[in-house]
């Protein structure tokens, strides 16, 4: 939560700094009422785009964090289940009669190998899901950044157009 809050605050501060720096960046356009109005509108649009981008970034980060937590839980559960299965099989083998001891021990080893294999598969699937969520989050962030850039460029073009009228 602290990371999310810090990201939002940093983005808002950056957006505010950009919005303040953007206005004097176009001194070639005379300050007519239409230009002033266009600049104000452009600043508003850019601020909204930056805020939207920050929201998308925060949401993507939250999804990644949730996926990592879920994966950790699944991994822990799989390892615990594997250990329990092996322990039960070994206990059963230990209780076996002397005649069946070799067969029971082999069966317990087989059960242990199968339990480890199942746990390994679960861990791999959990890691793969986390990587998929991370890739989707990165794509969402990149898309939001491109959209913000487009809004900034459009706002700059609108200010220039207002100055040439």
N, C-alpha and C. Protein backbone atom coordinates (compact mmCIF):
# COMPACT_ATOMS: atom_id res chain seq x y z
N UNK A 1 0.83 -1.19 0.00
CA UNK A 1 0.00 0.00 0.00
C UNK A 1 0.87 1.25 0.00
N UNK A 2 1.96 1.22 0.78
CA UNK A 2 2.85 2.37 0.82
C UNK A 2 3.48 2.61 -0.54
N UNK A 3 3.84 1.52 -1.20
CA UNK A 3 4.44 1.63 -2.52
C UNK A 3 3.47 2.25 -3.51
N UNK A 4 2.21 1.81 -3.42
CA UNK A 4 1.16 2.34 -4.28
C UNK A 4 0.95 3.82 -4.03
N UNK A 5 0.89 4.20 -2.77
CA UNK A 5 0.69 5.60 -2.41
C UNK A 5 1.86 6.46 -2.87
N UNK A 6 3.07 5.95 -2.69
CA UNK A 6 4.26 6.69 -3.12
C UNK A 6 4.26 6.88 -4.63
N UNK A 7 3.85 5.85 -5.37
CA UNK A 7 3.79 5.94 -6.82
C UNK A 7 2.78 7.00 -7.26
N UNK A 8 1.61 6.98 -6.63
CA UNK A 8 0.58 7.97 -6.99
C UNK A 8 1.04 9.39 -6.70
N UNK A 9 1.64 9.59 -5.55
CA UNK A 9 2.11 10.93 -5.19
C UNK A 9 3.21 11.39 -6.13
N UNK A 10 4.15 10.50 -6.42
CA UNK A 10 5.24 10.86 -7.32
C UNK A 10 4.72 11.21 -8.71
N UNK A 11 3.74 10.47 -9.17
CA UNK A 11 3.17 10.74 -10.49
C UNK A 11 2.43 12.07 -10.51
N UNK A 12 1.69 12.34 -9.45
CA UNK A 12 0.97 13.62 -9.39
C UNK A 12 1.94 14.80 -9.34
N UNK A 13 3.02 14.66 -8.57
CA UNK A 13 4.01 15.73 -8.48
C UNK A 13 4.68 15.93 -9.84
N UNK A 14 5.01 14.82 -10.48
CA UNK A 14 5.64 14.90 -11.80
C UNK A 14 4.68 15.54 -12.81
N UNK A 15 3.42 15.14 -12.73
CA UNK A 15 2.42 15.72 -13.64
C UNK A 15 2.25 17.21 -13.41
N UNK A 16 2.22 17.59 -12.15
CA UNK A 16 2.08 19.02 -11.84
C UNK A 16 3.29 19.80 -12.32
N UNK A 17 4.47 19.22 -12.15
CA UNK A 17 5.69 19.89 -12.60
C UNK A 17 5.69 20.01 -14.12
N UNK A 18 5.23 18.96 -14.80
CA UNK A 18 5.17 19.01 -16.26
C UNK A 18 4.16 20.06 -16.71
N UNK A 19 3.01 20.07 -16.07
CA UNK A 19 1.98 21.02 -16.46
C UNK A 19 2.45 22.46 -16.27
N UNK A 20 3.22 22.72 -15.23
CA UNK A 20 3.74 24.07 -15.01
C UNK A 20 4.84 24.39 -16.00
N UNK A 21 5.63 23.40 -16.36
CA UNK A 21 6.73 23.64 -17.29
C UNK A 21 6.25 23.72 -18.73
N UNK A 22 5.09 23.14 -19.02
CA UNK A 22 4.61 23.09 -20.39
C UNK A 22 4.12 24.46 -20.88
N UNK A 23 3.55 25.26 -20.01
CA UNK A 23 2.99 26.53 -20.43
C UNK A 23 4.04 27.50 -21.00
N UNK A 24 5.19 27.73 -20.33
CA UNK A 24 6.15 28.65 -20.91
C UNK A 24 6.98 28.03 -22.03
N UNK A 25 6.76 26.76 -22.33
CA UNK A 25 7.56 26.09 -23.36
C UNK A 25 7.18 26.56 -24.76
N UNK A 26 6.08 27.30 -24.92
CA UNK A 26 5.65 27.74 -26.24
C UNK A 26 5.59 29.27 -26.30
N UNK A 27 6.72 29.93 -26.17
CA UNK A 27 6.68 31.39 -26.19
C UNK A 27 6.46 31.95 -27.60
N UNK A 28 6.59 31.11 -28.64
CA UNK A 28 6.42 31.60 -30.00
C UNK A 28 4.96 31.93 -30.30
N UNK A 29 4.05 31.38 -29.52
CA UNK A 29 2.63 31.63 -29.73
C UNK A 29 2.23 32.85 -28.90
N UNK A 30 1.63 33.87 -29.54
CA UNK A 30 1.23 35.06 -28.79
C UNK A 30 0.13 34.71 -27.78
N UNK A 31 0.12 35.43 -26.66
CA UNK A 31 -0.81 35.14 -25.58
C UNK A 31 -2.16 35.81 -25.81
N UNK A 32 -2.87 35.36 -26.79
CA UNK A 32 -4.22 35.86 -27.05
C UNK A 32 -5.20 35.10 -26.15
N UNK A 33 -6.40 35.61 -25.99
CA UNK A 33 -7.38 34.88 -25.15
C UNK A 33 -7.61 33.44 -25.62
N UNK A 34 -7.60 33.24 -26.92
CA UNK A 34 -7.81 31.88 -27.45
C UNK A 34 -6.66 30.96 -27.06
N UNK A 35 -5.43 31.50 -27.10
CA UNK A 35 -4.25 30.71 -26.74
C UNK A 35 -4.27 30.39 -25.24
N UNK A 36 -4.60 31.39 -24.44
CA UNK A 36 -4.66 31.16 -23.00
C UNK A 36 -5.69 30.08 -22.67
N UNK A 37 -6.85 30.17 -23.33
CA UNK A 37 -7.90 29.18 -23.12
C UNK A 37 -7.44 27.80 -23.58
N UNK A 38 -6.76 27.74 -24.72
CA UNK A 38 -6.26 26.47 -25.25
C UNK A 38 -5.21 25.87 -24.33
N UNK A 39 -4.33 26.75 -23.78
CA UNK A 39 -3.31 26.26 -22.85
C UNK A 39 -3.93 25.72 -21.57
N UNK A 40 -4.94 26.40 -21.08
CA UNK A 40 -5.61 25.94 -19.86
C UNK A 40 -6.28 24.58 -20.12
N UNK A 41 -6.92 24.47 -21.25
CA UNK A 41 -7.57 23.20 -21.61
C UNK A 41 -6.53 22.10 -21.79
N UNK A 42 -5.41 22.45 -22.43
CA UNK A 42 -4.33 21.48 -22.65
C UNK A 42 -3.77 21.01 -21.32
N UNK A 43 -3.56 21.94 -20.40
CA UNK A 43 -3.04 21.57 -19.08
C UNK A 43 -4.00 20.63 -18.35
N UNK A 44 -5.28 20.93 -18.48
CA UNK A 44 -6.30 20.09 -17.84
C UNK A 44 -6.29 18.68 -18.43
N UNK A 45 -6.21 18.61 -19.77
CA UNK A 45 -6.20 17.31 -20.45
C UNK A 45 -4.95 16.51 -20.09
N UNK A 46 -3.81 17.18 -20.05
CA UNK A 46 -2.55 16.50 -19.72
C UNK A 46 -2.59 16.00 -18.27
N UNK A 47 -3.10 16.83 -17.38
CA UNK A 47 -3.19 16.41 -15.97
C UNK A 47 -4.10 15.19 -15.83
N UNK A 48 -5.20 15.18 -16.56
CA UNK A 48 -6.11 14.03 -16.51
C UNK A 48 -5.44 12.78 -17.08
N UNK A 49 -4.68 12.96 -18.15
CA UNK A 49 -3.99 11.82 -18.76
C UNK A 49 -2.92 11.26 -17.82
N UNK A 50 -2.19 12.15 -17.17
CA UNK A 50 -1.15 11.72 -16.22
C UNK A 50 -1.80 10.99 -15.04
N UNK A 51 -2.91 11.52 -14.57
CA UNK A 51 -3.62 10.89 -13.45
C UNK A 51 -4.11 9.50 -13.86
N UNK A 52 -4.64 9.41 -15.07
CA UNK A 52 -5.12 8.13 -15.58
C UNK A 52 -3.97 7.13 -15.72
N UNK A 53 -2.84 7.61 -16.19
CA UNK A 53 -1.66 6.74 -16.33
C UNK A 53 -1.22 6.24 -14.96
N UNK A 54 -1.23 7.10 -13.97
CA UNK A 54 -0.83 6.70 -12.62
C UNK A 54 -1.79 5.65 -12.07
N UNK A 55 -3.07 5.82 -12.37
CA UNK A 55 -4.07 4.86 -11.92
C UNK A 55 -3.84 3.49 -12.56
N UNK A 56 -3.55 3.50 -13.85
CA UNK A 56 -3.28 2.24 -14.57
C UNK A 56 -2.02 1.58 -14.00
N UNK A 57 -0.98 2.37 -13.77
CA UNK A 57 0.27 1.84 -13.20
C UNK A 57 0.01 1.21 -11.83
N UNK A 58 -0.73 1.90 -11.00
CA UNK A 58 -1.01 1.40 -9.66
C UNK A 58 -1.83 0.11 -9.71
N UNK A 59 -2.81 0.09 -10.61
CA UNK A 59 -3.65 -1.09 -10.75
C UNK A 59 -2.83 -2.28 -11.25
N UNK A 60 -1.93 -2.03 -12.19
CA UNK A 60 -1.08 -3.10 -12.72
C UNK A 60 -0.14 -3.63 -11.63
N UNK A 61 0.43 -2.72 -10.85
CA UNK A 61 1.31 -3.13 -9.75
C UNK A 61 0.54 -3.96 -8.72
N UNK A 62 -0.69 -3.58 -8.46
CA UNK A 62 -1.51 -4.32 -7.50
C UNK A 62 -1.79 -5.73 -8.01
N UNK A 63 -2.09 -5.84 -9.31
CA UNK A 63 -2.33 -7.16 -9.90
C UNK A 63 -1.10 -8.05 -9.76
N UNK A 64 0.07 -7.48 -10.02
CA UNK A 64 1.31 -8.25 -9.92
C UNK A 64 1.53 -8.71 -8.48
N UNK A 65 1.32 -7.81 -7.53
CA UNK A 65 1.50 -8.16 -6.12
C UNK A 65 0.55 -9.28 -5.70
N UNK A 66 -0.71 -9.19 -6.14
CA UNK A 66 -1.68 -10.23 -5.81
C UNK A 66 -1.26 -11.56 -6.42
N UNK A 67 -0.81 -11.53 -7.66
CA UNK A 67 -0.39 -12.77 -8.32
C UNK A 67 0.80 -13.39 -7.60
N UNK A 68 1.73 -12.56 -7.16
CA UNK A 68 2.90 -13.08 -6.44
C UNK A 68 2.49 -13.70 -5.10
N UNK A 69 1.57 -13.06 -4.40
CA UNK A 69 1.09 -13.60 -3.13
C UNK A 69 0.38 -14.94 -3.35
N UNK A 70 -0.50 -14.98 -4.37
CA UNK A 70 -1.21 -16.22 -4.67
C UNK A 70 -0.24 -17.34 -5.05
N UNK A 71 0.77 -17.00 -5.83
CA UNK A 71 1.76 -18.00 -6.24
C UNK A 71 2.52 -18.52 -5.03
N UNK A 72 2.88 -17.64 -4.14
CA UNK A 72 3.60 -18.07 -2.93
C UNK A 72 2.73 -19.01 -2.09
N UNK A 73 1.44 -18.69 -1.99
CA UNK A 73 0.52 -19.56 -1.24
C UNK A 73 0.40 -20.93 -1.90
N UNK A 74 0.26 -20.93 -3.22
CA UNK A 74 0.14 -22.20 -3.94
C UNK A 74 1.41 -23.05 -3.79
N UNK A 75 2.57 -22.38 -3.88
CA UNK A 75 3.83 -23.10 -3.73
C UNK A 75 3.95 -23.71 -2.34
N UNK A 76 3.63 -22.94 -1.33
CA UNK A 76 3.70 -23.42 0.04
C UNK A 76 2.76 -24.60 0.25
N UNK A 77 1.56 -24.46 -0.26
CA UNK A 77 0.56 -25.52 -0.13
C UNK A 77 1.04 -26.80 -0.83
N UNK A 78 1.62 -26.65 -2.02
CA UNK A 78 2.09 -27.81 -2.77
C UNK A 78 3.24 -28.52 -2.05
N UNK A 79 4.17 -27.76 -1.53
CA UNK A 79 5.30 -28.34 -0.81
C UNK A 79 4.84 -29.03 0.46
N UNK A 80 3.91 -28.41 1.16
CA UNK A 80 3.37 -28.99 2.39
C UNK A 80 2.63 -30.29 2.10
N UNK A 81 1.83 -30.27 1.04
CA UNK A 81 1.09 -31.47 0.67
C UNK A 81 2.05 -32.60 0.28
N UNK A 82 3.09 -32.26 -0.44
CA UNK A 82 4.10 -33.24 -0.84
C UNK A 82 4.76 -33.85 0.38
N UNK A 83 5.15 -33.03 1.32
CA UNK A 83 5.80 -33.51 2.54
C UNK A 83 4.86 -34.41 3.34
N UNK A 84 3.60 -34.02 3.43
CA UNK A 84 2.62 -34.81 4.16
C UNK A 84 2.43 -36.18 3.50
N UNK A 85 2.31 -36.18 2.18
CA UNK A 85 2.14 -37.43 1.45
C UNK A 85 3.33 -38.36 1.67
N UNK A 86 4.53 -37.79 1.59
CA UNK A 86 5.74 -38.60 1.80
C UNK A 86 5.80 -39.13 3.23
N UNK A 87 5.43 -38.32 4.18
CA UNK A 87 5.46 -38.74 5.58
C UNK A 87 4.47 -39.88 5.83
N UNK A 88 3.27 -39.76 5.26
CA UNK A 88 2.27 -40.82 5.42
C UNK A 88 2.76 -42.13 4.79
N UNK A 89 3.33 -42.01 3.60
CA UNK A 89 3.81 -43.21 2.90
C UNK A 89 4.95 -43.86 3.68
N UNK A 90 5.85 -43.05 4.21
CA UNK A 90 6.97 -43.60 4.99
C UNK A 90 6.48 -44.23 6.30
N UNK A 91 5.49 -43.63 6.91
CA UNK A 91 4.93 -44.19 8.14
C UNK A 91 4.26 -45.53 7.86
N UNK A 92 3.56 -45.59 6.75
CA UNK A 92 2.91 -46.84 6.36
C UNK A 92 3.95 -47.91 6.08
N UNK A 93 5.04 -47.53 5.44
CA UNK A 93 6.12 -48.48 5.14
C UNK A 93 6.78 -48.96 6.43
N UNK A 94 6.90 -48.08 7.39
CA UNK A 94 7.53 -48.45 8.65
C UNK A 94 6.67 -49.44 9.43
N UNK A 95 5.36 -49.35 9.27
CA UNK A 95 4.45 -50.25 9.98
C UNK A 95 4.33 -51.62 9.29
N UNK A 96 4.84 -51.73 8.09
CA UNK A 96 4.68 -52.96 7.32
C UNK A 96 5.39 -54.13 7.99
N UNK A 97 4.89 -55.32 7.72
CA UNK A 97 5.52 -56.54 8.24
C UNK A 97 6.90 -56.70 7.64
N UNK A 98 7.71 -57.51 8.25
CA UNK A 98 9.08 -57.74 7.77
C UNK A 98 9.05 -58.35 6.37
N UNK A 99 8.04 -59.16 6.08
CA UNK A 99 7.95 -59.79 4.76
C UNK A 99 7.64 -58.75 3.67
N UNK A 100 6.81 -57.80 3.99
CA UNK A 100 6.38 -56.79 3.01
C UNK A 100 7.19 -55.51 3.08
N UNK A 101 8.22 -55.48 3.89
CA UNK A 101 8.99 -54.24 4.14
C UNK A 101 9.58 -53.67 2.84
N UNK A 102 10.22 -54.50 2.04
CA UNK A 102 10.86 -54.03 0.80
C UNK A 102 9.83 -53.46 -0.17
N UNK A 103 8.72 -54.18 -0.30
CA UNK A 103 7.65 -53.74 -1.20
C UNK A 103 7.04 -52.41 -0.70
N UNK A 104 6.81 -52.31 0.59
CA UNK A 104 6.22 -51.11 1.17
C UNK A 104 7.17 -49.91 1.05
N UNK A 105 8.46 -50.17 1.25
CA UNK A 105 9.45 -49.09 1.12
C UNK A 105 9.50 -48.59 -0.32
N UNK A 106 9.47 -49.50 -1.27
CA UNK A 106 9.47 -49.11 -2.69
C UNK A 106 8.22 -48.31 -3.03
N UNK A 107 7.10 -48.74 -2.49
CA UNK A 107 5.84 -48.03 -2.72
C UNK A 107 5.89 -46.63 -2.11
N UNK A 108 6.48 -46.52 -0.93
CA UNK A 108 6.61 -45.21 -0.28
C UNK A 108 7.52 -44.29 -1.08
N UNK A 109 8.61 -44.83 -1.61
CA UNK A 109 9.52 -44.02 -2.43
C UNK A 109 8.82 -43.53 -3.69
N UNK A 110 8.03 -44.42 -4.29
CA UNK A 110 7.28 -44.05 -5.50
C UNK A 110 6.28 -42.94 -5.19
N UNK A 111 5.60 -43.07 -4.06
CA UNK A 111 4.63 -42.05 -3.65
C UNK A 111 5.34 -40.72 -3.41
N UNK A 112 6.53 -40.78 -2.81
CA UNK A 112 7.30 -39.56 -2.57
C UNK A 112 7.73 -38.88 -3.86
N UNK A 113 8.17 -39.68 -4.82
CA UNK A 113 8.59 -39.13 -6.13
C UNK A 113 7.39 -38.50 -6.84
N UNK A 114 6.25 -39.18 -6.80
CA UNK A 114 5.05 -38.63 -7.44
C UNK A 114 4.61 -37.33 -6.76
N UNK A 115 4.69 -37.31 -5.44
CA UNK A 115 4.30 -36.09 -4.70
C UNK A 115 5.23 -34.93 -5.05
N UNK A 116 6.54 -35.21 -5.13
CA UNK A 116 7.50 -34.17 -5.50
C UNK A 116 7.25 -33.67 -6.92
N UNK A 117 6.94 -34.60 -7.82
CA UNK A 117 6.67 -34.21 -9.22
C UNK A 117 5.43 -33.31 -9.30
N UNK A 118 4.40 -33.70 -8.57
CA UNK A 118 3.16 -32.90 -8.57
C UNK A 118 3.42 -31.51 -7.99
N UNK A 119 4.19 -31.45 -6.91
CA UNK A 119 4.52 -30.15 -6.30
C UNK A 119 5.35 -29.31 -7.28
N UNK A 120 6.27 -29.94 -7.96
CA UNK A 120 7.09 -29.23 -8.95
C UNK A 120 6.25 -28.63 -10.06
N UNK A 121 5.29 -29.41 -10.56
CA UNK A 121 4.40 -28.91 -11.62
C UNK A 121 3.58 -27.72 -11.13
N UNK A 122 3.09 -27.82 -9.90
CA UNK A 122 2.29 -26.73 -9.32
C UNK A 122 3.13 -25.46 -9.19
N UNK A 123 4.37 -25.62 -8.76
CA UNK A 123 5.26 -24.47 -8.61
C UNK A 123 5.54 -23.83 -9.96
N UNK A 124 5.78 -24.65 -10.97
CA UNK A 124 6.05 -24.12 -12.31
C UNK A 124 4.84 -23.37 -12.85
N UNK A 125 3.65 -23.93 -12.67
CA UNK A 125 2.43 -23.26 -13.14
C UNK A 125 2.22 -21.93 -12.42
N UNK A 126 2.48 -21.91 -11.12
CA UNK A 126 2.30 -20.67 -10.34
C UNK A 126 3.28 -19.60 -10.82
N UNK A 127 4.53 -19.99 -11.06
CA UNK A 127 5.52 -19.04 -11.56
C UNK A 127 5.15 -18.53 -12.95
N UNK A 128 4.66 -19.42 -13.79
CA UNK A 128 4.26 -19.03 -15.14
C UNK A 128 3.11 -18.02 -15.10
N UNK A 129 2.17 -18.24 -14.19
CA UNK A 129 1.04 -17.32 -14.07
C UNK A 129 1.52 -15.94 -13.62
N UNK A 130 2.47 -15.92 -12.68
CA UNK A 130 3.02 -14.64 -12.22
C UNK A 130 3.69 -13.91 -13.38
N UNK A 131 4.45 -14.64 -14.17
CA UNK A 131 5.13 -14.02 -15.32
C UNK A 131 4.13 -13.48 -16.33
N UNK A 132 3.03 -14.20 -16.54
CA UNK A 132 1.99 -13.73 -17.45
C UNK A 132 1.37 -12.43 -16.94
N UNK A 133 1.08 -12.40 -15.65
CA UNK A 133 0.49 -11.19 -15.05
C UNK A 133 1.47 -10.02 -15.16
N UNK A 134 2.76 -10.30 -14.93
CA UNK A 134 3.77 -9.24 -15.05
C UNK A 134 3.84 -8.70 -16.48
N UNK A 135 3.78 -9.61 -17.45
CA UNK A 135 3.83 -9.18 -18.86
C UNK A 135 2.61 -8.34 -19.21
N UNK A 136 1.44 -8.77 -18.75
CA UNK A 136 0.22 -7.99 -19.00
C UNK A 136 0.28 -6.63 -18.32
N UNK A 137 0.83 -6.59 -17.12
CA UNK A 137 0.95 -5.32 -16.40
C UNK A 137 1.90 -4.38 -17.14
N UNK A 138 3.00 -4.92 -17.63
CA UNK A 138 3.94 -4.09 -18.39
C UNK A 138 3.29 -3.56 -19.66
N UNK A 139 2.50 -4.39 -20.30
CA UNK A 139 1.80 -3.96 -21.51
C UNK A 139 0.79 -2.86 -21.19
N UNK A 140 0.06 -3.03 -20.09
CA UNK A 140 -0.92 -2.01 -19.68
C UNK A 140 -0.22 -0.68 -19.38
N UNK A 141 0.91 -0.76 -18.69
CA UNK A 141 1.66 0.46 -18.37
C UNK A 141 2.17 1.14 -19.63
N UNK A 142 2.68 0.35 -20.56
CA UNK A 142 3.20 0.92 -21.81
C UNK A 142 2.07 1.57 -22.61
N UNK A 143 0.93 0.92 -22.65
CA UNK A 143 -0.22 1.48 -23.37
C UNK A 143 -0.64 2.81 -22.74
N UNK A 144 -0.70 2.84 -21.43
CA UNK A 144 -1.09 4.08 -20.73
C UNK A 144 -0.08 5.19 -21.01
N UNK A 145 1.20 4.84 -21.04
CA UNK A 145 2.23 5.84 -21.29
C UNK A 145 2.10 6.40 -22.71
N UNK A 146 1.83 5.52 -23.66
CA UNK A 146 1.66 5.97 -25.06
C UNK A 146 0.43 6.87 -25.18
N UNK A 147 -0.66 6.49 -24.50
CA UNK A 147 -1.87 7.31 -24.55
C UNK A 147 -1.62 8.68 -23.92
N UNK A 148 -0.86 8.72 -22.84
CA UNK A 148 -0.53 10.00 -22.20
C UNK A 148 0.31 10.86 -23.15
N UNK A 149 1.25 10.22 -23.82
CA UNK A 149 2.08 10.94 -24.80
C UNK A 149 1.24 11.51 -25.93
N UNK A 150 0.26 10.74 -26.37
CA UNK A 150 -0.63 11.21 -27.44
C UNK A 150 -1.45 12.41 -26.98
N UNK A 151 -1.93 12.36 -25.75
CA UNK A 151 -2.72 13.49 -25.21
C UNK A 151 -1.84 14.73 -25.12
N UNK A 152 -0.60 14.55 -24.68
CA UNK A 152 0.33 15.69 -24.58
C UNK A 152 0.59 16.30 -25.95
N UNK A 153 0.82 15.43 -26.94
CA UNK A 153 1.09 15.92 -28.30
C UNK A 153 -0.13 16.63 -28.87
N UNK A 154 -1.29 16.06 -28.64
CA UNK A 154 -2.53 16.67 -29.13
C UNK A 154 -2.76 18.02 -28.47
N UNK A 155 -2.49 18.10 -27.18
CA UNK A 155 -2.67 19.36 -26.46
C UNK A 155 -1.73 20.43 -27.00
N UNK A 156 -0.50 20.03 -27.27
CA UNK A 156 0.48 20.97 -27.81
C UNK A 156 0.04 21.46 -29.20
N UNK A 157 -0.49 20.53 -30.00
CA UNK A 157 -0.97 20.91 -31.34
C UNK A 157 -2.17 21.85 -31.24
N UNK A 158 -3.04 21.61 -30.27
CA UNK A 158 -4.22 22.47 -30.09
C UNK A 158 -3.80 23.90 -29.71
N UNK A 159 -2.79 24.01 -28.86
CA UNK A 159 -2.30 25.32 -28.45
C UNK A 159 -1.70 26.05 -29.66
N UNK A 160 -0.94 25.32 -30.45
CA UNK A 160 -0.35 25.93 -31.66
C UNK A 160 -1.45 26.39 -32.62
N UNK A 161 -2.47 25.55 -32.80
CA UNK A 161 -3.57 25.88 -33.70
C UNK A 161 -4.32 27.12 -33.21
N UNK A 162 -4.49 27.23 -31.91
CA UNK A 162 -5.17 28.39 -31.35
C UNK A 162 -4.36 29.65 -31.57
N UNK A 163 -3.06 29.54 -31.57
CA UNK A 163 -2.20 30.69 -31.78
C UNK A 163 -2.17 31.15 -33.23
N UNK A 164 -2.43 30.24 -34.15
CA UNK A 164 -2.38 30.62 -35.57
C UNK A 164 -3.69 31.16 -36.09
N UNK A 165 -4.72 31.16 -35.26
CA UNK A 165 -6.04 31.68 -35.70
C UNK A 165 -6.05 33.18 -35.74
